[in-house]
N, C-alpha and C. Protein backbone atom coordinates (compact mmCIF):
# COMPACT_ATOMS: atom_id res chain seq x y z
N MET A 1 -0.68 -14.41 -14.10
CA MET A 1 -0.29 -14.61 -12.73
C MET A 1 -0.41 -13.37 -11.86
N THR A 2 0.05 -12.22 -12.32
CA THR A 2 -0.04 -11.01 -11.53
C THR A 2 -1.46 -10.64 -11.29
N GLU A 3 -2.34 -10.83 -12.29
CA GLU A 3 -3.75 -10.44 -12.17
C GLU A 3 -4.40 -11.24 -11.02
N SER A 4 -3.96 -12.48 -10.76
CA SER A 4 -4.58 -13.24 -9.77
C SER A 4 -4.31 -12.76 -8.35
N LYS A 5 -3.32 -11.85 -8.25
CA LYS A 5 -2.99 -11.27 -6.95
C LYS A 5 -3.76 -9.94 -6.69
N ILE A 6 -4.54 -9.52 -7.68
CA ILE A 6 -5.45 -8.35 -7.52
C ILE A 6 -6.81 -8.86 -7.09
N LEU A 7 -7.14 -8.55 -5.88
CA LEU A 7 -8.36 -9.07 -5.24
C LEU A 7 -9.39 -8.02 -4.98
N THR A 8 -10.65 -8.40 -4.98
CA THR A 8 -11.71 -7.53 -4.48
C THR A 8 -11.58 -7.57 -2.93
N ARG A 9 -12.28 -6.61 -2.33
CA ARG A 9 -12.22 -6.60 -0.83
C ARG A 9 -12.75 -7.93 -0.30
N GLU A 10 -13.84 -8.43 -0.84
CA GLU A 10 -14.36 -9.68 -0.37
C GLU A 10 -13.37 -10.90 -0.50
N GLN A 11 -12.71 -10.93 -1.65
CA GLN A 11 -11.65 -11.95 -1.88
C GLN A 11 -10.50 -11.78 -0.92
N ALA A 12 -10.10 -10.56 -0.64
CA ALA A 12 -9.03 -10.25 0.29
C ALA A 12 -9.36 -10.71 1.71
N VAL A 13 -10.63 -10.54 2.11
CA VAL A 13 -11.06 -10.96 3.43
C VAL A 13 -10.97 -12.49 3.50
N GLU A 14 -11.48 -13.19 2.48
CA GLU A 14 -11.38 -14.63 2.49
C GLU A 14 -9.96 -15.13 2.50
N GLN A 15 -9.12 -14.51 1.70
CA GLN A 15 -7.72 -14.88 1.62
C GLN A 15 -7.00 -14.66 2.97
N ALA A 16 -7.30 -13.53 3.64
CA ALA A 16 -6.78 -13.26 4.94
C ALA A 16 -7.19 -14.29 5.98
N LYS A 17 -8.39 -14.71 5.94
CA LYS A 17 -8.92 -15.75 6.86
C LYS A 17 -8.14 -17.03 6.63
N THR A 18 -7.88 -17.40 5.36
CA THR A 18 -7.13 -18.58 5.08
C THR A 18 -5.74 -18.51 5.58
N TRP A 19 -5.08 -17.36 5.32
CA TRP A 19 -3.72 -17.18 5.81
C TRP A 19 -3.69 -17.23 7.34
N HIS A 20 -4.57 -16.54 7.97
CA HIS A 20 -4.63 -16.59 9.46
C HIS A 20 -4.79 -18.03 9.94
N ALA A 21 -5.72 -18.78 9.32
CA ALA A 21 -5.93 -20.20 9.67
C ALA A 21 -4.66 -21.03 9.53
N GLU A 22 -3.80 -20.62 8.59
CA GLU A 22 -2.53 -21.35 8.37
C GLU A 22 -1.43 -20.83 9.31
N GLY A 23 -1.80 -19.86 10.22
CA GLY A 23 -0.80 -19.35 11.14
C GLY A 23 0.09 -18.26 10.51
N LYS A 24 -0.28 -17.73 9.45
CA LYS A 24 0.58 -16.72 8.76
C LYS A 24 0.32 -15.35 9.37
N GLN A 25 1.38 -14.53 9.48
CA GLN A 25 1.31 -13.19 9.94
C GLN A 25 1.03 -12.28 8.70
N ILE A 26 -0.08 -11.57 8.77
CA ILE A 26 -0.44 -10.68 7.64
C ILE A 26 -0.01 -9.27 7.93
N VAL A 27 0.65 -8.69 6.96
CA VAL A 27 1.13 -7.32 6.97
C VAL A 27 0.25 -6.55 6.03
N PHE A 28 -0.16 -5.36 6.41
CA PHE A 28 -0.92 -4.44 5.54
C PHE A 28 -0.21 -3.13 5.44
N THR A 29 -0.21 -2.61 4.19
CA THR A 29 0.21 -1.23 3.98
C THR A 29 -0.68 -0.66 2.85
N ASN A 30 -0.56 0.58 2.64
CA ASN A 30 -1.41 1.25 1.60
C ASN A 30 -0.72 2.46 1.03
N GLY A 31 -1.18 2.85 -0.15
CA GLY A 31 -0.67 4.10 -0.77
C GLY A 31 -1.18 4.20 -2.20
N CYS A 32 -0.69 5.23 -2.85
CA CYS A 32 -1.08 5.58 -4.25
C CYS A 32 -0.14 4.84 -5.20
N PHE A 33 1.12 4.77 -4.93
CA PHE A 33 2.13 4.10 -5.75
C PHE A 33 1.94 4.46 -7.21
N ASP A 34 1.95 5.79 -7.47
CA ASP A 34 1.64 6.32 -8.80
C ASP A 34 2.71 5.93 -9.86
N ILE A 35 3.91 6.36 -9.63
CA ILE A 35 5.01 6.00 -10.56
C ILE A 35 5.99 5.16 -9.75
N LEU A 36 6.07 3.88 -10.09
CA LEU A 36 6.94 2.93 -9.30
C LEU A 36 8.37 3.39 -9.34
N HIS A 37 8.98 3.47 -8.16
CA HIS A 37 10.41 3.89 -8.09
C HIS A 37 11.11 3.16 -6.93
N LEU A 38 12.40 3.31 -6.83
CA LEU A 38 13.17 2.61 -5.81
C LEU A 38 12.62 2.78 -4.40
N GLY A 39 12.16 3.95 -4.04
CA GLY A 39 11.61 4.14 -2.72
C GLY A 39 10.47 3.21 -2.46
N HIS A 40 9.59 3.00 -3.43
CA HIS A 40 8.45 2.09 -3.31
C HIS A 40 8.93 0.69 -3.12
N VAL A 41 9.87 0.24 -3.97
CA VAL A 41 10.34 -1.13 -3.94
C VAL A 41 11.04 -1.40 -2.59
N ASP A 42 11.85 -0.54 -2.16
CA ASP A 42 12.56 -0.70 -0.87
C ASP A 42 11.54 -0.83 0.24
N TYR A 43 10.57 0.13 0.26
CA TYR A 43 9.60 0.18 1.34
C TYR A 43 8.73 -1.12 1.36
N LEU A 44 8.24 -1.52 0.24
CA LEU A 44 7.38 -2.73 0.14
C LEU A 44 8.16 -3.98 0.51
N GLU A 45 9.39 -4.09 0.05
CA GLU A 45 10.23 -5.21 0.40
C GLU A 45 10.44 -5.34 1.93
N LYS A 46 10.70 -4.16 2.57
CA LYS A 46 10.86 -4.14 4.00
C LYS A 46 9.58 -4.43 4.72
N ALA A 47 8.47 -3.93 4.20
CA ALA A 47 7.17 -4.19 4.75
C ALA A 47 6.86 -5.66 4.81
N ARG A 48 7.15 -6.39 3.75
CA ARG A 48 6.93 -7.81 3.66
C ARG A 48 7.75 -8.59 4.67
N GLN A 49 8.91 -8.06 5.01
CA GLN A 49 9.78 -8.74 6.04
C GLN A 49 9.17 -8.69 7.39
N ALA A 50 8.13 -7.86 7.63
CA ALA A 50 7.52 -7.75 8.95
C ALA A 50 6.51 -8.86 9.19
N GLY A 51 6.30 -9.74 8.24
CA GLY A 51 5.37 -10.85 8.39
C GLY A 51 5.49 -11.86 7.27
N ASP A 52 4.47 -12.65 7.13
CA ASP A 52 4.50 -13.76 6.14
C ASP A 52 3.85 -13.45 4.82
N LYS A 53 2.85 -12.55 4.86
CA LYS A 53 2.04 -12.16 3.67
C LYS A 53 1.83 -10.71 3.71
N LEU A 54 1.93 -10.04 2.50
CA LEU A 54 1.72 -8.58 2.44
C LEU A 54 0.52 -8.27 1.58
N ILE A 55 -0.48 -7.62 2.19
CA ILE A 55 -1.58 -7.06 1.51
C ILE A 55 -1.40 -5.57 1.34
N LEU A 56 -1.52 -5.16 0.03
CA LEU A 56 -1.35 -3.72 -0.27
C LEU A 56 -2.69 -3.14 -0.64
N GLY A 57 -3.10 -2.13 0.11
CA GLY A 57 -4.28 -1.33 -0.23
C GLY A 57 -3.87 -0.26 -1.15
N LEU A 58 -4.46 -0.25 -2.36
CA LEU A 58 -4.06 0.70 -3.39
C LEU A 58 -5.22 1.72 -3.69
N ASN A 59 -4.89 2.98 -3.56
CA ASN A 59 -5.93 4.02 -3.85
C ASN A 59 -6.37 3.95 -5.26
N THR A 60 -7.71 4.05 -5.48
CA THR A 60 -8.24 4.12 -6.82
C THR A 60 -7.85 5.45 -7.47
N ASP A 61 -8.06 5.50 -8.81
CA ASP A 61 -7.73 6.78 -9.47
C ASP A 61 -8.48 7.97 -8.88
N ALA A 62 -9.77 7.79 -8.56
CA ALA A 62 -10.51 8.91 -7.98
C ALA A 62 -9.97 9.33 -6.68
N SER A 63 -9.57 8.33 -5.89
CA SER A 63 -8.98 8.59 -4.57
C SER A 63 -7.66 9.38 -4.69
N VAL A 64 -6.81 8.93 -5.62
CA VAL A 64 -5.52 9.58 -5.85
C VAL A 64 -5.76 11.08 -6.24
N SER A 65 -6.71 11.31 -7.15
CA SER A 65 -7.03 12.63 -7.59
C SER A 65 -7.47 13.50 -6.44
N ARG A 66 -8.28 12.97 -5.53
CA ARG A 66 -8.73 13.72 -4.34
C ARG A 66 -7.60 14.09 -3.45
N ILE A 67 -6.61 13.18 -3.31
CA ILE A 67 -5.45 13.40 -2.43
C ILE A 67 -4.38 14.25 -3.08
N LYS A 68 -4.06 13.98 -4.33
CA LYS A 68 -2.88 14.56 -5.00
C LYS A 68 -3.21 15.70 -5.97
N GLY A 69 -4.51 15.82 -6.35
CA GLY A 69 -4.90 16.85 -7.28
C GLY A 69 -5.32 16.27 -8.60
N PRO A 70 -5.93 17.15 -9.44
CA PRO A 70 -6.56 16.70 -10.68
C PRO A 70 -5.60 16.10 -11.73
N LEU A 71 -4.34 16.39 -11.65
CA LEU A 71 -3.39 15.85 -12.65
C LEU A 71 -2.88 14.50 -12.33
N ARG A 72 -3.27 14.00 -11.18
CA ARG A 72 -2.84 12.65 -10.73
C ARG A 72 -4.02 11.73 -10.65
N PRO A 73 -3.80 10.44 -10.80
CA PRO A 73 -2.53 9.79 -10.95
C PRO A 73 -2.03 9.91 -12.43
N VAL A 74 -0.75 9.70 -12.56
CA VAL A 74 -0.14 9.64 -13.88
C VAL A 74 -0.41 8.27 -14.52
N VAL A 75 -0.36 7.25 -13.69
CA VAL A 75 -0.57 5.84 -14.12
C VAL A 75 -1.94 5.41 -13.61
N ASN A 76 -2.74 4.81 -14.50
CA ASN A 76 -4.12 4.45 -14.04
C ASN A 76 -4.12 3.27 -13.03
N GLU A 77 -5.19 3.08 -12.35
CA GLU A 77 -5.29 2.11 -11.24
C GLU A 77 -5.07 0.65 -11.73
N TYR A 78 -5.54 0.32 -12.91
CA TYR A 78 -5.30 -1.05 -13.40
C TYR A 78 -3.80 -1.29 -13.60
N ALA A 79 -3.11 -0.31 -14.22
CA ALA A 79 -1.68 -0.48 -14.46
C ALA A 79 -0.89 -0.46 -13.12
N ARG A 80 -1.30 0.41 -12.22
CA ARG A 80 -0.62 0.46 -10.89
C ARG A 80 -0.88 -0.83 -10.12
N ALA A 81 -2.06 -1.37 -10.22
CA ALA A 81 -2.33 -2.66 -9.55
C ALA A 81 -1.51 -3.82 -10.11
N ARG A 82 -1.41 -3.84 -11.46
CA ARG A 82 -0.61 -4.88 -12.09
C ARG A 82 0.85 -4.74 -11.69
N LEU A 83 1.37 -3.52 -11.72
CA LEU A 83 2.78 -3.30 -11.35
C LEU A 83 3.05 -3.75 -9.88
N MET A 84 2.17 -3.40 -9.02
CA MET A 84 2.33 -3.77 -7.58
C MET A 84 2.23 -5.31 -7.40
N ALA A 85 1.27 -5.93 -8.12
CA ALA A 85 1.12 -7.35 -8.06
C ALA A 85 2.29 -8.07 -8.66
N SER A 86 3.01 -7.43 -9.53
CA SER A 86 4.20 -8.15 -10.16
C SER A 86 5.36 -8.28 -9.19
N LEU A 87 5.37 -7.53 -8.14
CA LEU A 87 6.47 -7.61 -7.16
C LEU A 87 6.34 -8.86 -6.30
N ALA A 88 7.42 -9.59 -6.25
CA ALA A 88 7.40 -10.91 -5.60
C ALA A 88 6.98 -10.81 -4.16
N PHE A 89 7.31 -9.74 -3.47
CA PHE A 89 7.03 -9.60 -2.02
C PHE A 89 5.66 -9.05 -1.73
N VAL A 90 4.82 -8.75 -2.72
CA VAL A 90 3.41 -8.29 -2.61
C VAL A 90 2.58 -9.52 -2.86
N ASP A 91 1.77 -9.95 -1.84
CA ASP A 91 0.97 -11.13 -1.99
C ASP A 91 -0.46 -10.85 -2.48
N ALA A 92 -0.97 -9.65 -2.21
CA ALA A 92 -2.33 -9.28 -2.65
C ALA A 92 -2.41 -7.77 -2.81
N VAL A 93 -3.13 -7.32 -3.78
CA VAL A 93 -3.43 -5.89 -4.02
C VAL A 93 -4.94 -5.72 -4.02
N VAL A 94 -5.40 -4.76 -3.22
CA VAL A 94 -6.80 -4.49 -3.14
C VAL A 94 -7.05 -2.97 -3.31
N LEU A 95 -7.86 -2.61 -4.33
CA LEU A 95 -8.16 -1.19 -4.55
C LEU A 95 -9.21 -0.74 -3.47
N PHE A 96 -8.99 0.50 -3.06
CA PHE A 96 -9.98 1.11 -2.14
C PHE A 96 -10.21 2.58 -2.58
N ASP A 97 -11.45 3.05 -2.39
CA ASP A 97 -11.83 4.35 -2.86
C ASP A 97 -12.19 5.29 -1.69
N GLU A 98 -12.27 4.76 -0.48
CA GLU A 98 -12.63 5.62 0.66
C GLU A 98 -11.50 6.59 0.93
N PRO A 99 -11.78 7.63 1.72
CA PRO A 99 -10.74 8.67 2.01
C PRO A 99 -9.56 8.08 2.80
N THR A 100 -9.85 7.01 3.58
CA THR A 100 -8.69 6.33 4.32
C THR A 100 -8.87 4.79 4.12
N PRO A 101 -7.84 4.05 4.43
CA PRO A 101 -7.92 2.57 4.30
C PRO A 101 -8.54 1.92 5.53
N LEU A 102 -9.13 2.65 6.41
CA LEU A 102 -9.62 2.11 7.70
C LEU A 102 -10.56 0.89 7.48
N GLU A 103 -11.56 1.13 6.65
CA GLU A 103 -12.53 -0.01 6.42
C GLU A 103 -11.83 -1.29 5.86
N LEU A 104 -10.89 -1.10 4.97
CA LEU A 104 -10.10 -2.24 4.48
C LEU A 104 -9.27 -2.90 5.53
N ILE A 105 -8.67 -2.11 6.36
CA ILE A 105 -7.87 -2.63 7.49
C ILE A 105 -8.77 -3.39 8.42
N GLN A 106 -9.88 -2.87 8.75
CA GLN A 106 -10.86 -3.56 9.61
C GLN A 106 -11.32 -4.87 8.99
N ALA A 107 -11.47 -4.89 7.65
CA ALA A 107 -11.98 -6.04 6.96
C ALA A 107 -10.95 -7.19 6.97
N VAL A 108 -9.70 -6.84 6.63
CA VAL A 108 -8.65 -7.91 6.53
C VAL A 108 -7.97 -8.26 7.81
N GLN A 109 -8.12 -7.40 8.81
CA GLN A 109 -7.58 -7.63 10.17
C GLN A 109 -6.07 -8.11 10.17
N PRO A 110 -5.24 -7.21 9.71
CA PRO A 110 -3.81 -7.53 9.67
C PRO A 110 -3.20 -7.66 11.05
N ASP A 111 -2.12 -8.44 11.09
CA ASP A 111 -1.31 -8.60 12.36
C ASP A 111 -0.36 -7.46 12.54
N VAL A 112 0.07 -6.96 11.31
CA VAL A 112 1.08 -5.84 11.35
C VAL A 112 0.56 -4.79 10.36
N LEU A 113 0.58 -3.50 10.82
CA LEU A 113 0.28 -2.38 9.96
C LEU A 113 1.54 -1.59 9.75
N VAL A 114 1.89 -1.29 8.52
CA VAL A 114 3.12 -0.66 8.17
C VAL A 114 2.90 0.65 7.39
N LYS A 115 3.64 1.67 7.77
CA LYS A 115 3.64 2.92 6.98
C LYS A 115 5.12 3.45 6.99
N GLY A 116 5.37 4.40 6.16
CA GLY A 116 6.68 5.01 6.14
C GLY A 116 6.94 5.80 7.42
N ASP A 117 8.21 6.06 7.69
CA ASP A 117 8.57 6.79 8.91
C ASP A 117 8.36 8.34 8.80
N ASP A 118 7.67 8.74 7.72
CA ASP A 118 7.18 10.10 7.66
C ASP A 118 5.89 10.23 8.43
N TYR A 119 5.39 9.15 8.93
CA TYR A 119 4.21 9.11 9.79
C TYR A 119 4.61 8.82 11.25
N ALA A 120 4.02 9.47 12.19
CA ALA A 120 4.12 9.03 13.60
C ALA A 120 3.05 7.95 13.79
N VAL A 121 3.37 6.93 14.63
CA VAL A 121 2.48 5.82 14.83
C VAL A 121 1.10 6.33 15.22
N ALA A 122 1.03 7.33 16.05
CA ALA A 122 -0.25 7.91 16.50
C ALA A 122 -1.10 8.45 15.37
N ASP A 123 -0.45 8.80 14.26
CA ASP A 123 -1.16 9.39 13.09
C ASP A 123 -1.49 8.40 12.04
N ILE A 124 -1.11 7.16 12.18
CA ILE A 124 -1.37 6.14 11.17
C ILE A 124 -2.82 5.62 11.26
N VAL A 125 -3.52 5.82 10.21
CA VAL A 125 -4.95 5.35 10.15
C VAL A 125 -4.98 3.84 10.39
N GLY A 126 -5.81 3.41 11.37
CA GLY A 126 -6.00 2.00 11.61
C GLY A 126 -5.06 1.49 12.74
N ALA A 127 -4.13 2.31 13.20
CA ALA A 127 -3.15 1.86 14.21
C ALA A 127 -3.88 1.39 15.46
N ASP A 128 -4.85 2.19 15.92
CA ASP A 128 -5.56 1.79 17.15
C ASP A 128 -6.27 0.49 16.95
N PHE A 129 -6.96 0.27 15.84
CA PHE A 129 -7.69 -0.99 15.51
C PHE A 129 -6.72 -2.13 15.58
N VAL A 130 -5.60 -2.08 14.92
CA VAL A 130 -4.65 -3.15 14.86
C VAL A 130 -4.07 -3.45 16.26
N GLN A 131 -3.70 -2.43 17.00
CA GLN A 131 -3.13 -2.61 18.31
C GLN A 131 -4.19 -3.20 19.24
N GLN A 132 -5.42 -2.78 19.18
CA GLN A 132 -6.48 -3.27 20.05
C GLN A 132 -6.76 -4.72 19.78
N ASN A 133 -6.42 -5.15 18.60
CA ASN A 133 -6.69 -6.55 18.27
C ASN A 133 -5.42 -7.43 18.32
N GLY A 134 -4.47 -6.91 19.13
CA GLY A 134 -3.27 -7.76 19.40
C GLY A 134 -2.11 -7.58 18.36
N GLY A 135 -2.32 -6.72 17.35
CA GLY A 135 -1.32 -6.59 16.34
C GLY A 135 -0.35 -5.45 16.69
N ARG A 136 0.57 -5.19 15.76
CA ARG A 136 1.53 -4.15 16.02
C ARG A 136 1.59 -3.21 14.80
N VAL A 137 2.12 -2.00 15.05
CA VAL A 137 2.25 -1.03 13.99
C VAL A 137 3.77 -0.69 13.87
N GLN A 138 4.26 -0.66 12.64
CA GLN A 138 5.65 -0.51 12.41
C GLN A 138 5.82 0.59 11.35
N THR A 139 6.86 1.44 11.55
CA THR A 139 7.22 2.40 10.50
C THR A 139 8.54 1.94 9.89
N ILE A 140 8.71 2.29 8.59
CA ILE A 140 9.88 1.89 7.86
C ILE A 140 10.57 3.16 7.34
N PRO A 141 11.86 3.25 7.49
CA PRO A 141 12.59 4.42 6.93
C PRO A 141 12.42 4.48 5.43
N LEU A 142 12.17 5.67 4.94
CA LEU A 142 12.07 5.90 3.50
C LEU A 142 13.43 6.14 2.90
N VAL A 143 13.55 5.78 1.64
CA VAL A 143 14.80 6.10 0.87
C VAL A 143 14.78 7.52 0.49
N ALA A 144 15.74 8.26 1.01
CA ALA A 144 15.84 9.70 0.74
C ALA A 144 15.95 9.98 -0.78
N GLY A 145 15.33 10.98 -1.22
CA GLY A 145 15.46 11.46 -2.61
C GLY A 145 14.53 10.78 -3.60
N TYR A 146 13.65 9.94 -3.12
CA TYR A 146 12.73 9.27 -4.02
C TYR A 146 11.30 9.53 -3.64
N SER A 147 10.57 10.19 -4.57
CA SER A 147 9.14 10.37 -4.39
C SER A 147 8.56 10.60 -5.76
N THR A 148 7.30 10.19 -5.92
CA THR A 148 6.66 10.42 -7.23
C THR A 148 6.61 11.89 -7.57
N THR A 149 6.23 12.68 -6.57
CA THR A 149 6.15 14.15 -6.80
C THR A 149 7.46 14.74 -7.25
N ALA A 150 8.60 14.25 -6.66
CA ALA A 150 9.96 14.75 -7.06
C ALA A 150 10.23 14.30 -8.49
N ILE A 151 9.85 13.07 -8.86
CA ILE A 151 10.10 12.60 -10.20
C ILE A 151 9.31 13.42 -11.22
N ILE A 152 8.07 13.67 -10.89
CA ILE A 152 7.21 14.49 -11.83
C ILE A 152 7.81 15.89 -11.98
N GLY A 153 8.32 16.44 -10.84
CA GLY A 153 8.92 17.80 -10.85
C GLY A 153 10.15 17.79 -11.72
N LYS A 154 10.95 16.74 -11.64
CA LYS A 154 12.16 16.67 -12.43
C LYS A 154 11.86 16.55 -13.93
N ILE A 155 10.82 15.77 -14.24
CA ILE A 155 10.43 15.63 -15.70
C ILE A 155 9.86 16.94 -16.19
N ARG A 156 9.05 17.62 -15.40
CA ARG A 156 8.52 18.92 -15.81
C ARG A 156 9.62 19.96 -16.09
N LYS A 157 10.59 19.97 -15.18
CA LYS A 157 11.73 20.88 -15.33
C LYS A 157 12.52 20.56 -16.58
N ALA A 158 12.76 19.27 -16.82
CA ALA A 158 13.55 18.91 -17.99
C ALA A 158 12.88 19.23 -19.32
N TYR A 159 11.57 19.19 -19.38
CA TYR A 159 10.86 19.48 -20.55
C TYR A 159 10.45 20.98 -20.67
N ALA A 160 10.65 21.71 -19.63
CA ALA A 160 10.29 23.16 -19.65
C ALA A 160 11.45 23.95 -20.26
N GLU A 161 12.64 23.34 -20.27
CA GLU A 161 13.85 24.04 -20.71
C GLU A 161 13.98 24.06 -22.19
């Protein structure tokens, strides 16, 4: 079941067209989601509340390494995709390898684009595109104290002692 929610870009475009034809509001967000934690779950659950269907753009392993460094990701893209797809409030997961999710956003044409409130709306990739097409951009407060980088740091510290 969870694997059926992992779509190619082409499948995601077709699914988005179907959802739009049904009058569904499509929400899009993206990220690395390397080690699943409470901050991710809270964020994605709130993102889904912004519409009827949530499409998650997931950075490929190569993309994560370019962004986070050669020791990342900790969890490979297949496992990360399965984990994200297992969440009830995530309707589709699409891997992307480009430096930004702009091409994927343009392809699926979401009604709502969501990012964490560590981003200003003006700095969110794809915000202009979504707004110019009648959609909206929303930021969601992040749960303080939860980040993959902090978790990795805590593990390193614990094992260094």
